[in-house]
Amino acid sequence: MPESIASKTRRELGFYLTRQREYDVHEIVATVVYKATAADTLDPEEYGRSFNPPSDRQGHPAFAYANFHLRAYVRDGRCFGTRYVFKPFEMDTTRAEAYVRVLRSVDRAVTAMHEADGYLPDDDFAGHLLRVARAIGAEYFDWRPHSRGPVERTDAQGIRDVITTMLGSPDGGA
């Protein structure tokens, strides 16, 4: 298996899953997050919580993953058009170079997984998510089962059940 990009960082990466709707277009979105350490917060109660990688702190170990998403359209409880993308609010050459490095590394790793394990059907969002997670070294998945409920965490073993729940729920969790 290709070396993970995350192995070069000191932060434990994960994904935060949501279901979004914009102009009658529904998507399931997994956004890269990292587990907070003492270097990230002064509040000991926040240790272990998921934070979004900072897009404005170039030296931060998770900087390259800021605004990185795995996305798929949702219709009739099924996914299609799965893709991994960056959706930044600002762009400069430093960010662009970091984003291109991540995308190329993920492309190489996912291609190697396709060649070794076969291609996945387009509607297998969980399978695509697990491959991208393996490519970047993400180890956990957060989601909200109810829009005002607490965030729950699962691992690779439980992610298929989470996605099935999100696709069957009208609000898709939060």
C-alpha atoms as a PDB file:
ATOM      1  CA  MET A   1       0.000   0.000   0.000  1.00  0.00           C
ATOM      2  CA  PRO A   2       1.291   3.509  -0.785  1.00  0.00           C
ATOM      3  CA  GLU A   3       2.630   5.591   2.061  1.00  0.00           C
ATOM      4  CA  SER A   4       0.002   7.867   3.514  1.00  0.00           C
ATOM      5  CA  ILE A   5       0.416  11.625   3.308  1.00  0.00           C
ATOM      6  CA  ALA A   6      -0.731  11.871   6.921  1.00  0.00           C
ATOM      7  CA  SER A   7       2.225   9.813   8.122  1.00  0.00           C
ATOM      8  CA  LYS A   8       4.293  12.978   7.673  1.00  0.00           C
ATOM      9  CA  THR A   9       2.094  14.962  10.060  1.00  0.00           C
ATOM     10  CA  ARG A  10       1.650  14.915  13.817  1.00  0.00           C
ATOM     11  CA  ARG A  11      -2.147  15.187  13.729  1.00  0.00           C
ATOM     12  CA  GLU A  12      -4.626  12.325  13.641  1.00  0.00           C
ATOM     13  CA  LEU A  13      -6.882  12.926  10.645  1.00  0.00           C
ATOM     14  CA  GLY A  14     -10.517  11.989  10.254  1.00  0.00           C
ATOM     15  CA  PHE A  15     -13.604  12.994   8.283  1.00  0.00           C
ATOM     16  CA  TYR A  16     -16.739  14.848   9.338  1.00  0.00           C
ATOM     17  CA  LEU A  17     -19.798  13.699   7.369  1.00  0.00           C
ATOM     18  CA  THR A  18     -22.827  15.835   6.569  1.00  0.00           C
ATOM     19  CA  ARG A  19     -25.641  15.834   4.107  1.00  0.00           C
ATOM     20  CA  GLN A  20     -26.123  19.163   2.338  1.00  0.00           C
ATOM     21  CA  ARG A  21     -28.802  20.635   0.143  1.00  0.00           C
ATOM     22  CA  GLU A  22     -28.398  23.621  -2.127  1.00  0.00           C
ATOM     23  CA  TYR A  23     -30.948  24.586  -4.804  1.00  0.00           C
ATOM     24  CA  ASP A  24     -32.590  21.162  -4.712  1.00  0.00           C
ATOM     25  CA  VAL A  25     -29.222  19.446  -5.199  1.00  0.00           C
ATOM     26  CA  HIS A  26     -28.480  17.010  -2.378  1.00  0.00           C
ATOM     27  CA  GLU A  27     -24.961  15.895  -1.524  1.00  0.00           C
ATOM     28  CA  ILE A  28     -23.256  13.792   1.093  1.00  0.00           C
ATOM     29  CA  VAL A  29     -19.989  15.467   2.052  1.00  0.00           C
ATOM     30  CA  ALA A  30     -17.033  14.171   4.047  1.00  0.00           C
ATOM     31  CA  THR A  31     -14.667  16.961   5.124  1.00  0.00           C
ATOM     32  CA  VAL A  32     -11.178  16.324   6.492  1.00  0.00           C
ATOM     33  CA  VAL A  33     -10.802  17.192  10.182  1.00  0.00           C
ATOM     34  CA  TYR A  34      -8.094  16.501  12.739  1.00  0.00           C
ATOM     35  CA  LYS A  35      -8.136  15.510  16.389  1.00  0.00           C
ATOM     36  CA  ALA A  36      -7.199  18.432  18.654  1.00  0.00           C
ATOM     37  CA  THR A  37      -4.116  18.166  20.841  1.00  0.00           C
ATOM     38  CA  ALA A  38      -2.734  20.404  23.585  1.00  0.00           C
ATOM     39  CA  ALA A  39      -0.952  22.394  20.855  1.00  0.00           C
ATOM     40  CA  ASP A  40      -4.322  23.307  19.311  1.00  0.00           C
ATOM     41  CA  THR A  41      -6.340  24.458  22.324  1.00  0.00           C
ATOM     42  CA  LEU A  42      -5.870  25.626  25.882  1.00  0.00           C
ATOM     43  CA  ASP A  43      -9.072  23.950  27.043  1.00  0.00           C
ATOM     44  CA  PRO A  44      -8.385  20.354  28.166  1.00  0.00           C
ATOM     45  CA  GLU A  45     -12.046  19.481  27.493  1.00  0.00           C
ATOM     46  CA  GLU A  46     -11.442  20.085  23.792  1.00  0.00           C
ATOM     47  CA  TYR A  47      -8.583  17.562  23.519  1.00  0.00           C
ATOM     48  CA  GLY A  48      -9.700  14.867  21.110  1.00  0.00           C
ATOM     49  CA  ARG A  49     -12.419  16.998  19.486  1.00  0.00           C
ATOM     50  CA  SER A  50     -12.352  17.420  15.726  1.00  0.00           C
ATOM     51  CA  PHE A  51     -11.138  20.724  14.333  1.00  0.00           C
ATOM     52  CA  ASN A  52     -11.080  21.892  10.719  1.00  0.00           C
ATOM     53  CA  PRO A  53      -7.536  22.214   9.372  1.00  0.00           C
ATOM     54  CA  PRO A  54      -6.519  25.879   9.273  1.00  0.00           C
ATOM     55  CA  SER A  55      -6.185  27.344   5.795  1.00  0.00           C
ATOM     56  CA  ASP A  56      -4.315  30.395   7.051  1.00  0.00           C
ATOM     57  CA  ARG A  57      -1.528  28.751   9.109  1.00  0.00           C
ATOM     58  CA  GLN A  58       0.968  27.409   6.603  1.00  0.00           C
ATOM     59  CA  GLY A  59       3.178  25.678   9.189  1.00  0.00           C
ATOM     60  CA  HIS A  60       0.296  23.720  10.737  1.00  0.00           C
ATOM     61  CA  PRO A  61       0.662  19.951  10.184  1.00  0.00           C
ATOM     62  CA  ALA A  62      -2.884  19.652   8.761  1.00  0.00           C
ATOM     63  CA  PHE A  63      -2.656  22.788   6.565  1.00  0.00           C
ATOM     64  CA  ALA A  64      -2.545  20.794   3.303  1.00  0.00           C
ATOM     65  CA  TYR A  65      -5.972  19.279   4.077  1.00  0.00           C
ATOM     66  CA  ALA A  66      -7.865  22.524   4.670  1.00  0.00           C
ATOM     67  CA  ASN A  67     -11.080  22.491   2.598  1.00  0.00           C
ATOM     68  CA  PHE A  68     -10.541  18.929   1.301  1.00  0.00           C
ATOM     69  CA  HIS A  69     -13.814  17.070   0.726  1.00  0.00           C
ATOM     70  CA  LEU A  70     -15.102  13.799  -0.638  1.00  0.00           C
ATOM     71  CA  ARG A  71     -18.496  14.586  -2.178  1.00  0.00           C
ATOM     72  CA  ALA A  72     -21.283  12.676  -3.912  1.00  0.00           C
ATOM     73  CA  TYR A  73     -24.676  13.691  -5.211  1.00  0.00           C
ATOM     74  CA  VAL A  74     -27.664  11.985  -3.589  1.00  0.00           C
ATOM     75  CA  ARG A  75     -30.909  11.071  -5.313  1.00  0.00           C
ATOM     76  CA  ASP A  76     -33.509   8.537  -4.143  1.00  0.00           C
ATOM     77  CA  GLY A  77     -31.243   7.371  -1.310  1.00  0.00           C
ATOM     78  CA  ARG A  78     -28.334   6.550  -3.656  1.00  0.00           C
ATOM     79  CA  CYS A  79     -25.038   8.269  -4.338  1.00  0.00           C
ATOM     80  CA  PHE A  80     -23.524   9.151  -7.687  1.00  0.00           C
ATOM     81  CA  GLY A  81     -20.814  11.443  -8.999  1.00  0.00           C
ATOM     82  CA  THR A  82     -18.386  10.718  -6.162  1.00  0.00           C
ATOM     83  CA  ARG A  83     -15.310  12.932  -6.298  1.00  0.00           C
ATOM     84  CA  TYR A  84     -12.632  14.362  -4.014  1.00  0.00           C
ATOM     85  CA  VAL A  85     -12.033  18.073  -4.302  1.00  0.00           C
ATOM     86  CA  PHE A  86     -10.820  21.182  -2.551  1.00  0.00           C
ATOM     87  CA  LYS A  87     -13.373  23.960  -2.094  1.00  0.00           C
ATOM     88  CA  PRO A  88     -11.299  26.851  -0.753  1.00  0.00           C
ATOM     89  CA  PHE A  89     -12.526  30.336   0.006  1.00  0.00           C
ATOM     90  CA  GLU A  90      -9.164  31.875  -0.864  1.00  0.00           C
ATOM     91  CA  MET A  91      -6.344  30.728  -3.085  1.00  0.00           C
ATOM     92  CA  ASP A  92      -2.697  31.662  -3.337  1.00  0.00           C
ATOM     93  CA  THR A  93       0.304  29.809  -4.743  1.00  0.00           C
ATOM     94  CA  THR A  94       1.278  28.253  -1.399  1.00  0.00           C
ATOM     95  CA  ARG A  95      -2.181  26.774  -0.922  1.00  0.00           C
ATOM     96  CA  ALA A  96      -2.456  25.759  -4.564  1.00  0.00           C
ATOM     97  CA  GLU A  97       0.848  23.893  -4.420  1.00  0.00           C
ATOM     98  CA  ALA A  98      -0.153  22.106  -1.195  1.00  0.00           C
ATOM     99  CA  TYR A  99      -3.549  21.174  -2.682  1.00  0.00           C
ATOM    100  CA  VAL A 100      -1.982  19.824  -5.877  1.00  0.00           C
ATOM    101  CA  ARG A 101       0.462  17.692  -3.833  1.00  0.00           C
ATOM    102  CA  VAL A 102      -2.435  16.209  -1.862  1.00  0.00           C
ATOM    103  CA  LEU A 103      -4.579  15.578  -4.949  1.00  0.00           C
ATOM    104  CA  ARG A 104      -1.734  13.897  -6.837  1.00  0.00           C
ATOM    105  CA  SER A 105      -0.855  11.736  -3.859  1.00  0.00           C
ATOM    106  CA  VAL A 106      -4.493  10.718  -3.347  1.00  0.00           C
ATOM    107  CA  ASP A 107      -4.835  10.025  -7.085  1.00  0.00           C
ATOM    108  CA  ARG A 108      -1.793   7.728  -7.029  1.00  0.00           C
ATOM    109  CA  ALA A 109      -2.951   5.897  -3.907  1.00  0.00           C
ATOM    110  CA  VAL A 110      -6.549   5.456  -5.084  1.00  0.00           C
ATOM    111  CA  THR A 111      -5.385   4.294  -8.529  1.00  0.00           C
ATOM    112  CA  ALA A 112      -3.134   1.707  -6.878  1.00  0.00           C
ATOM    113  CA  MET A 113      -6.078   0.526  -4.747  1.00  0.00           C
ATOM    114  CA  HIS A 114      -8.286   0.286  -7.853  1.00  0.00           C
ATOM    115  CA  GLU A 115      -5.633  -1.803  -9.607  1.00  0.00           C
ATOM    116  CA  ALA A 116      -5.088  -4.058  -6.576  1.00  0.00           C
ATOM    117  CA  ASP A 117      -8.678  -4.410  -5.332  1.00  0.00           C
ATOM    118  CA  GLY A 118     -10.789  -3.546  -8.390  1.00  0.00           C
ATOM    119  CA  TYR A 119     -12.877  -0.514  -9.173  1.00  0.00           C
ATOM    120  CA  LEU A 120     -15.807   0.452  -6.964  1.00  0.00           C
ATOM    121  CA  PRO A 121     -19.316   1.138  -8.217  1.00  0.00           C
ATOM    122  CA  ASP A 122     -20.096   4.849  -8.387  1.00  0.00           C
ATOM    123  CA  ASP A 123     -22.839   4.523  -5.751  1.00  0.00           C
ATOM    124  CA  ASP A 124     -20.478   2.977  -3.144  1.00  0.00           C
ATOM    125  CA  PHE A 125     -19.732   6.198  -1.246  1.00  0.00           C
ATOM    126  CA  ALA A 126     -18.506   4.266   1.794  1.00  0.00           C
ATOM    127  CA  GLY A 127     -16.020   2.347  -0.340  1.00  0.00           C
ATOM    128  CA  HIS A 128     -14.709   5.532  -1.952  1.00  0.00           C
ATOM    129  CA  LEU A 129     -14.514   7.230   1.450  1.00  0.00           C
ATOM    130  CA  LEU A 130     -12.569   4.332   2.948  1.00  0.00           C
ATOM    131  CA  ARG A 131     -10.077   4.381   0.066  1.00  0.00           C
ATOM    132  CA  VAL A 132      -9.488   8.125   0.322  1.00  0.00           C
ATOM    133  CA  ALA A 133      -9.251   7.801   4.120  1.00  0.00           C
ATOM    134  CA  ARG A 134      -6.610   5.097   3.702  1.00  0.00           C
ATOM    135  CA  ALA A 135      -4.751   7.289   1.182  1.00  0.00           C
ATOM    136  CA  ILE A 136      -4.463  10.233   3.594  1.00  0.00           C
ATOM    137  CA  GLY A 137      -4.254   8.215   6.805  1.00  0.00           C
ATOM    138  CA  ALA A 138      -7.639   9.266   8.232  1.00  0.00           C
ATOM    139  CA  GLU A 139      -8.658   6.958  11.066  1.00  0.00           C
ATOM    140  CA  TYR A 140     -12.059   8.117  12.298  1.00  0.00           C
ATOM    141  CA  PHE A 141     -15.365   9.512  11.072  1.00  0.00           C
ATOM    142  CA  ASP A 142     -17.577  12.032  12.901  1.00  0.00           C
ATOM    143  CA  TRP A 143     -21.239  12.770  12.205  1.00  0.00           C
ATOM    144  CA  ARG A 144     -24.413  14.064  13.841  1.00  0.00           C
ATOM    145  CA  PRO A 145     -27.298  11.568  13.795  1.00  0.00           C
ATOM    146  CA  HIS A 146     -29.712  14.446  14.550  1.00  0.00           C
ATOM    147  CA  SER A 147     -29.314  18.073  13.555  1.00  0.00           C
ATOM    148  CA  ARG A 148     -29.117  19.260  17.172  1.00  0.00           C
ATOM    149  CA  GLY A 149     -27.649  16.139  18.679  1.00  0.00           C
ATOM    150  CA  PRO A 150     -24.088  15.522  19.782  1.00  0.00           C
ATOM    151  CA  VAL A 151     -21.357  14.543  17.351  1.00  0.00           C
ATOM    152  CA  GLU A 152     -20.729  10.801  17.269  1.00  0.00           C
ATOM    153  CA  ARG A 153     -17.546   9.080  16.165  1.00  0.00           C
ATOM    154  CA  THR A 154     -17.109   5.803  14.322  1.00  0.00           C
ATOM    155  CA  ASP A 155     -14.315   3.943  12.591  1.00  0.00           C
ATOM    156  CA  ALA A 156     -13.929   2.080   9.300  1.00  0.00           C
ATOM    157  CA  GLN A 157     -16.034  -0.808  10.631  1.00  0.00           C
ATOM    158  CA  GLY A 158     -19.055   1.405  11.355  1.00  0.00           C
ATOM    159  CA  ILE A 159     -18.953   3.887   8.481  1.00  0.00           C
ATOM    160  CA  ARG A 160     -21.201   1.887   6.133  1.00  0.00           C
ATOM    161  CA  ASP A 161     -23.993   1.879   8.749  1.00  0.00           C
ATOM    162  CA  VAL A 162     -23.569   5.636   9.273  1.00  0.00           C
ATOM    163  CA  ILE A 163     -23.823   6.345   5.538  1.00  0.00           C
ATOM    164  CA  THR A 164     -26.845   4.069   5.187  1.00  0.00           C
ATOM    165  CA  THR A 165     -28.507   6.006   8.027  1.00  0.00           C
ATOM    166  CA  MET A 166     -27.588   9.352   6.448  1.00  0.00           C
ATOM    167  CA  LEU A 167     -28.942   8.349   3.036  1.00  0.00           C
ATOM    168  CA  GLY A 168     -32.218   7.069   4.522  1.00  0.00           C
ATOM    169  CA  SER A 169     -32.833  10.079   6.738  1.00  0.00           C
ATOM    170  CA  PRO A 170     -34.694  13.106   5.327  1.00  0.00           C
ATOM    171  CA  ASP A 171     -32.231  15.529   6.901  1.00  0.00           C
ATOM    172  CA  GLY A 172     -29.323  13.066   6.542  1.00  0.00           C
ATOM    173  CA  GLY A 173     -28.175  13.765  10.050  1.00  0.00           C
ATOM    174  CA  ALA A 174     -27.008  17.342  10.462  1.00  0.00           C
END
